[in-house]
Amino acid sequence: MRAVITVIGKDNVGILHKVSGICAEMGANVIEVTQSVLQDMFAMIMLVDITGLSGDFSEMVDKMTALGNDLGLSIHTMHEDIFNSMHNI
């Protein structure tokens, strides 16, 4: 099972570190990352393997959302099944 994490907002030092830190803490393995900084705006898409997650997926979603709130970013975490369903309609 995999999840897609998107991050958008004003660029700051350590965004990738903090997001991947939650992944490591929860036992999610980062498979692929793409990121861009456009002027002062940060955009990232991260694909993570959640088969070894140490807690509930909803706990990871809540932690990512809280991190986004703390940093003034929009962090959205979506299970692969929902992502695929949205794009197969």
PDB file of N, CA and C in Angstrom:
ATOM      1  N   MET A   1       0.848  -1.184   0.000  1.00  0.00           N
ATOM      2  CA  MET A   1       0.000   0.000   0.000  1.00  0.00           C
ATOM      3  C   MET A   1       0.888   1.239   0.000  1.00  0.00           C
ATOM      4  N   ARG A   2       0.400   2.237  -0.690  1.00  0.00           N
ATOM      5  CA  ARG A   2       1.159   3.479  -0.789  1.00  0.00           C
ATOM      6  C   ARG A   2       0.257   4.679  -0.512  1.00  0.00           C
ATOM      7  N   ALA A   3       0.898   5.817  -0.287  1.00  0.00           N
ATOM      8  CA  ALA A   3       0.177   7.068  -0.090  1.00  0.00           C
ATOM      9  C   ALA A   3       0.900   8.163  -0.860  1.00  0.00           C
ATOM     10  N   VAL A   4       0.149   9.193  -1.222  1.00  0.00           N
ATOM     11  CA  VAL A   4       0.687  10.362  -1.898  1.00  0.00           C
ATOM     12  C   VAL A   4       0.570  11.538  -0.937  1.00  0.00           C
ATOM     13  N   ILE A   5       1.686  12.226  -0.721  1.00  0.00           N
ATOM     14  CA  ILE A   5       1.709  13.404   0.151  1.00  0.00           C
ATOM     15  C   ILE A   5       2.069  14.606  -0.710  1.00  0.00           C
ATOM     16  N   THR A   6       1.235  15.645  -0.662  1.00  0.00           N
ATOM     17  CA  THR A   6       1.534  16.878  -1.386  1.00  0.00           C
ATOM     18  C   THR A   6       1.745  18.002  -0.378  1.00  0.00           C
ATOM     19  N   VAL A   7       2.703  18.854  -0.679  1.00  0.00           N
ATOM     20  CA  VAL A   7       3.018  19.993   0.188  1.00  0.00           C
ATOM     21  C   VAL A   7       3.126  21.232  -0.694  1.00  0.00           C
ATOM     22  N   ILE A   8       2.406  22.278  -0.320  1.00  0.00           N
ATOM     23  CA  ILE A   8       2.453  23.535  -1.061  1.00  0.00           C
ATOM     24  C   ILE A   8       2.467  24.687  -0.059  1.00  0.00           C
ATOM     25  N   GLY A   9       3.319  25.665  -0.310  1.00  0.00           N
ATOM     26  CA  GLY A   9       3.350  26.849   0.541  1.00  0.00           C
ATOM     27  C   GLY A   9       4.634  27.630   0.395  1.00  0.00           C
ATOM     28  N   LYS A  10       4.793  28.615   1.243  1.00  0.00           N
ATOM     29  CA  LYS A  10       5.986  29.461   1.224  1.00  0.00           C
ATOM     30  C   LYS A  10       7.199  28.617   1.596  1.00  0.00           C
ATOM     31  N   ASP A  11       8.272  28.773   0.839  1.00  0.00           N
ATOM     32  CA  ASP A  11       9.488  27.995   1.062  1.00  0.00           C
ATOM     33  C   ASP A  11      10.142  28.359   2.394  1.00  0.00           C
ATOM     34  N   ASN A  12      10.570  27.339   3.111  1.00  0.00           N
ATOM     35  CA  ASN A  12      11.312  27.491   4.366  1.00  0.00           C
ATOM     36  C   ASN A  12      12.350  26.395   4.444  1.00  0.00           C
ATOM     37  N   VAL A  13      13.357  26.592   5.246  1.00  0.00           N
ATOM     38  CA  VAL A  13      14.387  25.575   5.459  1.00  0.00           C
ATOM     39  C   VAL A  13      13.785  24.388   6.213  1.00  0.00           C
ATOM     40  N   GLY A  14      14.045  23.169   5.728  1.00  0.00           N
ATOM     41  CA  GLY A  14      13.709  21.964   6.473  1.00  0.00           C
ATOM     42  C   GLY A  14      12.355  21.337   6.202  1.00  0.00           C
ATOM     43  N   ILE A  15      11.633  21.795   5.190  1.00  0.00           N
ATOM     44  CA  ILE A  15      10.306  21.222   4.930  1.00  0.00           C
ATOM     45  C   ILE A  15      10.417  19.737   4.603  1.00  0.00           C
ATOM     46  N   LEU A  16      11.284  19.387   3.664  1.00  0.00           N
ATOM     47  CA  LEU A  16      11.458  17.989   3.283  1.00  0.00           C
ATOM     48  C   LEU A  16      11.897  17.152   4.482  1.00  0.00           C
ATOM     49  N   HIS A  17      12.789  17.697   5.278  1.00  0.00           N
ATOM     50  CA  HIS A  17      13.278  17.002   6.478  1.00  0.00           C
ATOM     51  C   HIS A  17      12.141  16.713   7.460  1.00  0.00           C
ATOM     52  N   LYS A  18      11.288  17.684   7.693  1.00  0.00           N
ATOM     53  CA  LYS A  18      10.209  17.517   8.662  1.00  0.00           C
ATOM     54  C   LYS A  18       9.137  16.544   8.176  1.00  0.00           C
ATOM     55  N   VAL A  19       8.794  16.619   6.894  1.00  0.00           N
ATOM     56  CA  VAL A  19       7.791  15.703   6.341  1.00  0.00           C
ATOM     57  C   VAL A  19       8.337  14.277   6.327  1.00  0.00           C
ATOM     58  N   SER A  20       9.568  14.108   5.860  1.00  0.00           N
ATOM     59  CA  SER A  20      10.152  12.761   5.834  1.00  0.00           C
ATOM     60  C   SER A  20      10.418  12.248   7.244  1.00  0.00           C
ATOM     61  N   GLY A  21      10.617  13.141   8.197  1.00  0.00           N
ATOM     62  CA  GLY A  21      10.781  12.741   9.595  1.00  0.00           C
ATOM     63  C   GLY A  21       9.525  12.085  10.157  1.00  0.00           C
ATOM     64  N   ILE A  22       8.373  12.631   9.821  1.00  0.00           N
ATOM     65  CA  ILE A  22       7.114  12.008  10.245  1.00  0.00           C
ATOM     66  C   ILE A  22       6.967  10.649   9.578  1.00  0.00           C
ATOM     67  N   CYS A  23       7.334  10.567   8.303  1.00  0.00           N
ATOM     68  CA  CYS A  23       7.278   9.279   7.606  1.00  0.00           C
ATOM     69  C   CYS A  23       8.149   8.253   8.327  1.00  0.00           C
ATOM     70  N   ALA A  24       9.379   8.625   8.664  1.00  0.00           N
ATOM     71  CA  ALA A  24      10.293   7.710   9.355  1.00  0.00           C
ATOM     72  C   ALA A  24       9.751   7.320  10.726  1.00  0.00           C
ATOM     73  N   GLU A  25       9.229   8.287  11.454  1.00  0.00           N
ATOM     74  CA  GLU A  25       8.664   8.043  12.783  1.00  0.00           C
ATOM     75  C   GLU A  25       7.506   7.044  12.729  1.00  0.00           C
ATOM     76  N   MET A  26       6.716   7.118  11.637  1.00  0.00           N
ATOM     77  CA  MET A  26       5.540   6.261  11.488  1.00  0.00           C
ATOM     78  C   MET A  26       5.855   4.942  10.777  1.00  0.00           C
ATOM     79  N   GLY A  27       7.086   4.788  10.281  1.00  0.00           N
ATOM     80  CA  GLY A  27       7.461   3.559   9.580  1.00  0.00           C
ATOM     81  C   GLY A  27       7.066   3.538   8.118  1.00  0.00           C
ATOM     82  N   ALA A  28       6.833   4.704   7.535  1.00  0.00           N
ATOM     83  CA  ALA A  28       6.508   4.813   6.106  1.00  0.00           C
ATOM     84  C   ALA A  28       7.797   5.051   5.330  1.00  0.00           C
ATOM     85  N   ASN A  29       8.013   4.273   4.286  1.00  0.00           N
ATOM     86  CA  ASN A  29       9.230   4.369   3.491  1.00  0.00           C
ATOM     87  C   ASN A  29       9.007   5.301   2.301  1.00  0.00           C
ATOM     88  N   VAL A  30       9.848   6.323   2.179  1.00  0.00           N
ATOM     89  CA  VAL A  30       9.751   7.255   1.059  1.00  0.00           C
ATOM     90  C   VAL A  30      10.279   6.558  -0.195  1.00  0.00           C
ATOM     91  N   ILE A  31       9.426   6.465  -1.210  1.00  0.00           N
ATOM     92  CA  ILE A  31       9.776   5.797  -2.465  1.00  0.00           C
ATOM     93  C   ILE A  31      10.286   6.801  -3.491  1.00  0.00           C
ATOM     94  N   GLU A  32       9.584   7.916  -3.599  1.00  0.00           N
ATOM     95  CA  GLU A  32       9.939   8.896  -4.622  1.00  0.00           C
ATOM     96  C   GLU A  32       9.522  10.291  -4.159  1.00  0.00           C
ATOM     97  N   VAL A  33      10.339  11.280  -4.516  1.00  0.00           N
ATOM     98  CA  VAL A  33      10.052  12.672  -4.160  1.00  0.00           C
ATOM     99  C   VAL A  33      10.345  13.552  -5.365  1.00  0.00           C
ATOM    100  N   THR A  34       9.454  14.470  -5.630  1.00  0.00           N
ATOM    101  CA  THR A  34       9.730  15.527  -6.597  1.00  0.00           C
ATOM    102  C   THR A  34       9.356  16.844  -5.925  1.00  0.00           C
ATOM    103  N   GLN A  35      10.224  17.826  -6.086  1.00  0.00           N
ATOM    104  CA  GLN A  35       9.947  19.119  -5.465  1.00  0.00           C
ATOM    105  C   GLN A  35      10.463  20.236  -6.349  1.00  0.00           C
ATOM    106  N   SER A  36       9.842  21.383  -6.199  1.00  0.00           N
ATOM    107  CA  SER A  36      10.249  22.576  -6.934  1.00  0.00           C
ATOM    108  C   SER A  36      10.077  23.786  -6.035  1.00  0.00           C
ATOM    109  N   VAL A  37      10.927  24.762  -6.252  1.00  0.00           N
ATOM    110  CA  VAL A  37      10.757  26.053  -5.608  1.00  0.00           C
ATOM    111  C   VAL A  37      10.603  27.065  -6.734  1.00  0.00           C
ATOM    112  N   LEU A  38       9.437  27.694  -6.781  1.00  0.00           N
ATOM    113  CA  LEU A  38       9.128  28.692  -7.800  1.00  0.00           C
ATOM    114  C   LEU A  38       9.089  30.044  -7.112  1.00  0.00           C
ATOM    115  N   GLN A  39      10.123  30.845  -7.330  1.00  0.00           N
ATOM    116  CA  GLN A  39      10.357  32.081  -6.595  1.00  0.00           C
ATOM    117  C   GLN A  39      10.421  31.732  -5.110  1.00  0.00           C
ATOM    118  N   ASP A  40       9.405  32.061  -4.320  1.00  0.00           N
ATOM    119  CA  ASP A  40       9.448  31.711  -2.895  1.00  0.00           C
ATOM    120  C   ASP A  40       8.396  30.667  -2.523  1.00  0.00           C
ATOM    121  N   MET A  41       7.805  30.008  -3.530  1.00  0.00           N
ATOM    122  CA  MET A  41       6.775  28.994  -3.279  1.00  0.00           C
ATOM    123  C   MET A  41       7.365  27.587  -3.415  1.00  0.00           C
ATOM    124  N   PHE A  42       7.085  26.753  -2.422  1.00  0.00           N
ATOM    125  CA  PHE A  42       7.573  25.374  -2.374  1.00  0.00           C
ATOM    126  C   PHE A  42       6.441  24.444  -2.788  1.00  0.00           C
ATOM    127  N   ALA A  43       6.745  23.472  -3.647  1.00  0.00           N
ATOM    128  CA  ALA A  43       5.769  22.461  -4.063  1.00  0.00           C
ATOM    129  C   ALA A  43       6.459  21.107  -4.064  1.00  0.00           C
ATOM    130  N   MET A  44       5.822  20.112  -3.436  1.00  0.00           N
ATOM    131  CA  MET A  44       6.423  18.784  -3.363  1.00  0.00           C
ATOM    132  C   MET A  44       5.337  17.720  -3.470  1.00  0.00           C
ATOM    133  N   ILE A  45       5.681  16.642  -4.169  1.00  0.00           N
ATOM    134  CA  ILE A  45       4.851  15.443  -4.200  1.00  0.00           C
ATOM    135  C   ILE A  45       5.739  14.298  -3.748  1.00  0.00           C
ATOM    136  N   MET A  46       5.258  13.535  -2.779  1.00  0.00           N
ATOM    137  CA  MET A  46       6.026  12.425  -2.204  1.00  0.00           C
ATOM    138  C   MET A  46       5.172  11.162  -2.272  1.00  0.00           C
ATOM    139  N   LEU A  47       5.768  10.075  -2.757  1.00  0.00           N
ATOM    140  CA  LEU A  47       5.115   8.777  -2.774  1.00  0.00           C
ATOM    141  C   LEU A  47       5.760   7.934  -1.684  1.00  0.00           C
ATOM    142  N   VAL A  48       4.953   7.397  -0.776  1.00  0.00           N
ATOM    143  CA  VAL A  48       5.485   6.620   0.347  1.00  0.00           C
ATOM    144  C   VAL A  48       4.819   5.252   0.436  1.00  0.00           C
ATOM    145  N   ASP A  49       5.595   4.262   0.834  1.00  0.00           N
ATOM    146  CA  ASP A  49       5.096   2.910   1.075  1.00  0.00           C
ATOM    147  C   ASP A  49       4.625   2.863   2.526  1.00  0.00           C
ATOM    148  N   ILE A  50       3.346   2.544   2.723  1.00  0.00           N
ATOM    149  CA  ILE A  50       2.782   2.550   4.080  1.00  0.00           C
ATOM    150  C   ILE A  50       2.473   1.141   4.583  1.00  0.00           C
ATOM    151  N   THR A  51       3.027   0.115   3.931  1.00  0.00           N
ATOM    152  CA  THR A  51       2.748  -1.252   4.386  1.00  0.00           C
ATOM    153  C   THR A  51       3.310  -1.513   5.782  1.00  0.00           C
ATOM    154  N   GLY A  52       4.395  -0.842   6.164  1.00  0.00           N
ATOM    155  CA  GLY A  52       4.989  -1.050   7.484  1.00  0.00           C
ATOM    156  C   GLY A  52       4.621   0.016   8.494  1.00  0.00           C
ATOM    157  N   LEU A  53       3.513   0.722   8.255  1.00  0.00           N
ATOM    158  CA  LEU A  53       3.105   1.808   9.140  1.00  0.00           C
ATOM    159  C   LEU A  53       2.929   1.310  10.573  1.00  0.00           C
ATOM    160  N   SER A  54       3.503   2.048  11.520  1.00  0.00           N
ATOM    161  CA  SER A  54       3.449   1.638  12.924  1.00  0.00           C
ATOM    162  C   SER A  54       2.145   2.020  13.616  1.00  0.00           C
ATOM    163  N   GLY A  55       1.342   2.842  13.005  1.00  0.00           N
ATOM    164  CA  GLY A  55       0.054   3.245  13.584  1.00  0.00           C
ATOM    165  C   GLY A  55      -0.995   3.260  12.494  1.00  0.00           C
ATOM    166  N   ASP A  56      -2.131   3.859  12.797  1.00  0.00           N
ATOM    167  CA  ASP A  56      -3.206   3.987  11.814  1.00  0.00           C
ATOM    168  C   ASP A  56      -2.836   5.027  10.763  1.00  0.00           C
ATOM    169  N   PHE A  57      -3.320   4.826   9.553  1.00  0.00           N
ATOM    170  CA  PHE A  57      -3.098   5.792   8.480  1.00  0.00           C
ATOM    171  C   PHE A  57      -3.661   7.156   8.878  1.00  0.00           C
ATOM    172  N   SER A  58      -4.795   7.164   9.555  1.00  0.00           N
ATOM    173  CA  SER A  58      -5.411   8.431   9.974  1.00  0.00           C
ATOM    174  C   SER A  58      -4.504   9.203  10.939  1.00  0.00           C
ATOM    175  N   GLU A  59      -3.714   8.480  11.727  1.00  0.00           N
ATOM    176  CA  GLU A  59      -2.755   9.133  12.632  1.00  0.00           C
ATOM    177  C   GLU A  59      -1.683   9.862  11.821  1.00  0.00           C
ATOM    178  N   MET A  60      -1.216   9.228  10.761  1.00  0.00           N
ATOM    179  CA  MET A  60      -0.218   9.864   9.898  1.00  0.00           C
ATOM    180  C   MET A  60      -0.813  11.099   9.221  1.00  0.00           C
ATOM    181  N   VAL A  61      -2.041  10.975   8.739  1.00  0.00           N
ATOM    182  CA  VAL A  61      -2.725  12.111   8.115  1.00  0.00           C
ATOM    183  C   VAL A  61      -2.815  13.273   9.104  1.00  0.00           C
ATOM    184  N   ASP A  62      -3.213  12.983  10.335  1.00  0.00           N
ATOM    185  CA  ASP A  62      -3.341  14.025  11.358  1.00  0.00           C
ATOM    186  C   ASP A  62      -2.002  14.695  11.665  1.00  0.00           C
ATOM    187  N   LYS A  63      -0.938  13.895  11.740  1.00  0.00           N
ATOM    188  CA  LYS A  63       0.394  14.459  12.011  1.00  0.00           C
ATOM    189  C   LYS A  63       0.856  15.356  10.869  1.00  0.00           C
ATOM    190  N   MET A  64       0.602  14.939   9.631  1.00  0.00           N
ATOM    191  CA  MET A  64       0.991  15.762   8.484  1.00  0.00           C
ATOM    192  C   MET A  64       0.177  17.055   8.443  1.00  0.00           C
ATOM    193  N   THR A  65      -1.108  16.962   8.714  1.00  0.00           N
ATOM    194  CA  THR A  65      -1.960  18.149   8.735  1.00  0.00           C
ATOM    195  C   THR A  65      -1.509  19.122   9.813  1.00  0.00           C
ATOM    196  N   ALA A  66      -1.195  18.600  10.996  1.00  0.00           N
ATOM    197  CA  ALA A  66      -0.720  19.446  12.101  1.00  0.00           C
ATOM    198  C   ALA A  66       0.601  20.116  11.741  1.00  0.00           C
ATOM    199  N   LEU A  67       1.500  19.376  11.099  1.00  0.00           N
ATOM    200  CA  LEU A  67       2.767  19.960  10.666  1.00  0.00           C
ATOM    201  C   LEU A  67       2.512  21.093   9.683  1.00  0.00           C
ATOM    202  N   GLY A  68       1.618  20.864   8.754  1.00  0.00           N
ATOM    203  CA  GLY A  68       1.275  21.914   7.797  1.00  0.00           C
ATOM    204  C   GLY A  68       0.729  23.150   8.487  1.00  0.00           C
ATOM    205  N   ASN A  69      -0.120  22.955   9.459  1.00  0.00           N
ATOM    206  CA  ASN A  69      -0.664  24.091  10.216  1.00  0.00           C
ATOM    207  C   ASN A  69       0.440  24.837  10.950  1.00  0.00           C
ATOM    208  N   ASP A  70       1.369  24.104  11.554  1.00  0.00           N
ATOM    209  CA  ASP A  70       2.482  24.721  12.288  1.00  0.00           C
ATOM    210  C   ASP A  70       3.398  25.533  11.373  1.00  0.00           C
ATOM    211  N   LEU A  71       3.605  25.031  10.143  1.00  0.00           N
ATOM    212  CA  LEU A  71       4.540  25.672   9.218  1.00  0.00           C
ATOM    213  C   LEU A  71       3.865  26.618   8.225  1.00  0.00           C
ATOM    214  N   GLY A  72       2.542  26.721   8.280  1.00  0.00           N
ATOM    215  CA  GLY A  72       1.817  27.563   7.344  1.00  0.00           C
ATOM    216  C   GLY A  72       1.797  27.000   5.926  1.00  0.00           C
ATOM    217  N   LEU A  73       1.765  25.667   5.840  1.00  0.00           N
ATOM    218  CA  LEU A  73       1.762  24.971   4.551  1.00  0.00           C
ATOM    219  C   LEU A  73       0.473  24.182   4.387  1.00  0.00           C
ATOM    220  N   SER A  74       0.155  23.852   3.152  1.00  0.00           N
ATOM    221  CA  SER A  74      -0.935  22.921   2.879  1.00  0.00           C
ATOM    222  C   SER A  74      -0.299  21.550   2.651  1.00  0.00           C
ATOM    223  N   ILE A  75      -0.518  20.624   3.591  1.00  0.00           N
ATOM    224  CA  ILE A  75      -0.008  19.262   3.450  1.00  0.00           C
ATOM    225  C   ILE A  75      -1.208  18.337   3.381  1.00  0.00           C
ATOM    226  N   HIS A  76      -1.305  17.615   2.255  1.00  0.00           N
ATOM    227  CA  HIS A  76      -2.423  16.709   2.026  1.00  0.00           C
ATOM    228  C   HIS A  76      -1.875  15.294   1.866  1.00  0.00           C
ATOM    229  N   THR A  77      -2.403  14.356   2.627  1.00  0.00           N
ATOM    230  CA  THR A  77      -1.962  12.966   2.582  1.00  0.00           C
ATOM    231  C   THR A  77      -3.130  12.109   2.119  1.00  0.00           C
ATOM    232  N   MET A  78      -2.938  11.406   1.006  1.00  0.00           N
ATOM    233  CA  MET A  78      -4.015  10.636   0.415  1.00  0.00           C
ATOM    234  C   MET A  78      -3.583   9.186   0.180  1.00  0.00           C
ATOM    235  N   HIS A  79      -4.418   8.247   0.617  1.00  0.00           N
ATOM    236  CA  HIS A  79      -4.159   6.825   0.378  1.00  0.00           C
ATOM    237  C   HIS A  79      -4.206   6.565  -1.121  1.00  0.00           C
ATOM    238  N   GLU A  80      -3.337   5.700  -1.593  1.00  0.00           N
ATOM    239  CA  GLU A  80      -3.252   5.383  -3.016  1.00  0.00           C
ATOM    240  C   GLU A  80      -4.599   4.934  -3.595  1.00  0.00           C
ATOM    241  N   ASP A  81      -5.375   4.175  -2.851  1.00  0.00           N
ATOM    242  CA  ASP A  81      -6.670   3.695  -3.351  1.00  0.00           C
ATOM    243  C   ASP A  81      -7.593   4.863  -3.704  1.00  0.00           C
ATOM    244  N   ILE A  82      -7.622   5.873  -2.868  1.00  0.00           N
ATOM    245  CA  ILE A  82      -8.472   7.039  -3.125  1.00  0.00           C
ATOM    246  C   ILE A  82      -7.914   7.829  -4.306  1.00  0.00           C
ATOM    247  N   PHE A  83      -6.588   7.986  -4.325  1.00  0.00           N
ATOM    248  CA  PHE A  83      -5.948   8.695  -5.430  1.00  0.00           C
ATOM    249  C   PHE A  83      -6.286   8.025  -6.762  1.00  0.00           C
ATOM    250  N   ASN A  84      -6.153   6.709  -6.821  1.00  0.00           N
ATOM    251  CA  ASN A  84      -6.447   5.966  -8.050  1.00  0.00           C
ATOM    252  C   ASN A  84      -7.929   6.055  -8.423  1.00  0.00           C
ATOM    253  N   SER A  85      -8.817   5.965  -7.429  1.00  0.00           N
ATOM    254  CA  SER A  85     -10.254   6.064  -7.695  1.00  0.00           C
ATOM    255  C   SER A  85     -10.623   7.410  -8.293  1.00  0.00           C
ATOM    256  N   MET A  86     -10.006   8.470  -7.801  1.00  0.00           N
ATOM    257  CA  MET A  86     -10.284   9.808  -8.305  1.00  0.00           C
ATOM    258  C   MET A  86      -9.877   9.952  -9.762  1.00  0.00           C
ATOM    259  N   HIS A  87      -8.841   9.232 -10.169  1.00  0.00           N
ATOM    260  CA  HIS A  87      -8.310   9.397 -11.514  1.00  0.00           C
ATOM    261  C   HIS A  87      -8.799   8.321 -12.486  1.00  0.00           C
ATOM    262  N   ASN A  88      -9.699   7.471 -12.042  1.00  0.00           N
ATOM    263  CA  ASN A  88     -10.260   6.422 -12.906  1.00  0.00           C
ATOM    264  C   ASN A  88     -11.748   6.608 -13.160  1.00  0.00           C
ATOM    265  N   ILE A  89     -12.261   7.782 -12.890  1.00  0.00           N
ATOM    266  CA  ILE A  89     -13.697   8.026 -13.064  1.00  0.00           C
ATOM    267  C   ILE A  89     -13.989   8.328 -14.523  1.00  0.00           C
TER     268      ILE A  89
END
